[in-house]
Every structure is written in C-alpha cells, then in structure tokens.
Amino acid sequence: VQLQASGGGLVQPGGSLRLSCAASVSVSIFRINDMGWYRQAPGKQREMVARINNGGSTNYANSVKGRFTISKDYAKTTVFLQMNNLSPEDTAVYYCNGYGTWGQGTLVTVSS
C-alpha cells in the first residue's frame, strides 16, 4: 500500500489549507480501514492530529478541535484534512497513516 500526501505549503496565520492523502487500495479496502493524520514539528515527537474510522467516526487532538476536519472520499480512496484558522504552532510536517504504513509527509508552514 502506498499513501501519497499532498497539499502542504506556506500560509499566513488565520489562513487555511487542505491536505490530501491518496491510498493505493480498492474502494472496498478503503471503506473498512481507519486512517489518520499526524504531524511532527521541529524538535518534537510525532503526534496524532486527527483520525477517522471505518464508520466515519472521528477524533481530534485538543489543539485542533474546531479548526481541523478530517474526511474521506471513498470513490477517490482519499482522506482529507481541512485546516482552518492556522497558527504558527501548526507548523510541522504532516503525515497520513493507514494500513500499517505512512505517507511521505507534506510540510505546512504558518508564518507571516
């Protein structure tokens, strides 16, 4: 399984980005597996940001609740992370996770 993450970039504080993670699996496999987004800031450990299970239930890190939304597009076997009201503390490399593997990471930089 390969996870291809994209969508990172430079954004000003208060701005938005949407990350995508395309999974190289069939729709039927995609439907029954949990997926998540994690991030790792410089000098810090990797942390969970958001996860979505096979039933569509979600959970979020406290630091992103109300600002980030994780979702799935089953037809595209892609998981998204919509990030709103970004702050410099959100600067990190973001990784998608699922099927026992990690995507390559996409850098999000929040700076004025």
Protein backbone atom coordinates (compact mmCIF):
# COMPACT_ATOMS: atom_id res chain seq x y z
CA VAL A 1 0.00 0.00 0.00
CA GLN A 2 1.21 3.47 -0.84
CA LEU A 3 -0.06 6.70 0.69
CA GLN A 4 0.55 9.84 -1.36
CA ALA A 5 0.19 13.03 0.66
CA SER A 6 -0.08 16.49 -0.83
CA GLY A 7 -1.39 19.97 -0.16
CA GLY A 8 1.16 21.46 2.19
CA GLY A 9 2.64 24.88 1.74
CA LEU A 10 3.20 28.31 3.23
CA VAL A 11 0.18 30.09 4.64
CA GLN A 12 -0.32 33.18 6.79
CA PRO A 13 -1.74 32.93 10.31
CA GLY A 14 -5.50 32.63 10.15
CA GLY A 15 -5.36 31.02 6.73
CA SER A 16 -6.50 27.61 5.52
CA LEU A 17 -5.06 24.60 3.76
CA ARG A 18 -6.45 21.25 2.72
CA LEU A 19 -4.21 18.22 2.80
CA SER A 20 -4.93 15.12 0.74
CA CYS A 21 -3.74 11.57 1.12
CA ALA A 22 -4.49 9.14 -1.69
CA ALA A 23 -4.32 5.45 -0.83
CA SER A 24 -3.41 2.88 -3.47
CA VAL A 25 -6.14 0.46 -2.41
CA SER A 26 -9.51 -0.64 -3.71
CA VAL A 27 -12.65 1.13 -2.59
CA SER A 28 -13.74 -1.94 -0.62
CA ILE A 29 -10.48 -2.00 1.31
CA PHE A 30 -10.59 1.77 1.82
CA ARG A 31 -14.04 1.52 3.35
CA ILE A 32 -13.05 -0.83 6.15
CA ASN A 33 -9.83 0.75 7.31
CA ASP A 34 -9.10 3.57 9.70
CA MET A 35 -6.86 6.41 8.61
CA GLY A 36 -5.29 9.36 10.31
CA TRP A 37 -3.15 12.44 10.10
CA TYR A 38 -0.15 13.03 12.32
CA ARG A 39 2.36 15.82 12.49
CA GLN A 40 5.89 16.37 13.64
CA ALA A 41 7.20 19.82 14.44
CA PRO A 42 10.95 20.55 14.58
CA GLY A 43 12.44 19.13 17.75
CA LYS A 44 9.19 17.47 18.80
CA GLN A 45 7.75 13.99 18.71
CA ARG A 46 5.20 12.97 16.12
CA GLU A 47 1.66 13.47 17.41
CA MET A 48 -1.79 12.46 16.33
CA VAL A 49 -3.81 15.25 14.76
CA ALA A 50 -6.99 13.52 13.59
CA ARG A 51 -8.27 10.04 12.88
CA ILE A 52 -11.32 8.65 11.10
CA ASN A 53 -12.50 5.09 11.46
CA ASN A 54 -14.30 2.79 9.07
CA GLY A 55 -17.66 4.02 10.34
CA GLY A 56 -16.78 7.65 9.77
CA SER A 57 -16.30 8.49 13.45
CA THR A 58 -13.58 11.00 14.08
CA ASN A 59 -11.34 12.11 16.88
CA TYR A 60 -9.03 15.08 17.10
CA ALA A 61 -6.17 16.38 19.17
CA ASN A 62 -7.41 19.03 21.57
CA SER A 63 -5.18 21.61 19.94
CA VAL A 64 -7.01 21.34 16.59
CA LYS A 65 -10.61 20.70 17.64
CA GLY A 66 -12.96 23.15 15.99
CA ARG A 67 -10.35 24.16 13.41
CA PHE A 68 -9.45 20.95 11.56
CA THR A 69 -11.77 18.46 9.87
CA ILE A 70 -10.84 15.00 8.63
CA SER A 71 -12.94 13.36 5.96
CA LYS A 72 -12.90 10.56 3.41
CA ASP A 73 -13.77 10.42 -0.27
CA TYR A 74 -14.48 6.75 -0.83
CA ALA A 75 -14.65 6.95 -4.62
CA LYS A 76 -11.20 8.54 -4.72
CA THR A 77 -9.82 6.43 -1.83
CA THR A 78 -8.52 9.68 -0.42
CA VAL A 79 -8.57 11.14 3.07
CA PHE A 80 -8.53 14.89 3.55
CA LEU A 81 -7.57 17.22 6.35
CA GLN A 82 -9.17 20.63 6.12
CA MET A 83 -7.24 23.04 8.30
CA ASN A 84 -8.71 26.43 9.14
CA ASN A 85 -7.56 29.32 11.29
CA LEU A 86 -3.98 28.11 11.17
CA SER A 87 -1.44 29.39 13.65
CA PRO A 88 2.37 29.23 13.72
CA GLU A 89 2.04 26.39 16.25
CA ASP A 90 0.58 24.25 13.45
CA THR A 91 3.84 24.40 11.51
CA ALA A 92 5.03 20.84 11.03
CA VAL A 93 5.47 18.02 8.58
CA TYR A 94 2.10 16.29 8.28
CA TYR A 95 1.92 12.55 7.66
CA CYS A 96 -1.02 10.37 6.77
CA ASN A 97 -1.23 6.92 8.28
CA GLY A 98 -3.14 3.79 7.47
CA TYR A 99 -2.79 0.13 6.55
CA GLY A 100 0.25 -0.06 8.79
CA THR A 101 2.19 2.45 6.74
CA TRP A 102 2.98 6.16 6.49
CA GLY A 103 2.81 8.63 3.67
CA GLN A 104 5.88 10.64 2.77
CA GLY A 105 4.88 13.77 4.66
CA THR A 106 3.93 17.22 3.48
CA LEU A 107 5.30 20.40 5.03
CA VAL A 108 2.92 23.02 6.41
CA THR A 109 4.46 26.35 7.35
CA VAL A 110 2.35 29.01 9.02
CA SER A 111 4.12 32.34 9.02
CA SER A 112 3.56 35.96 8.21
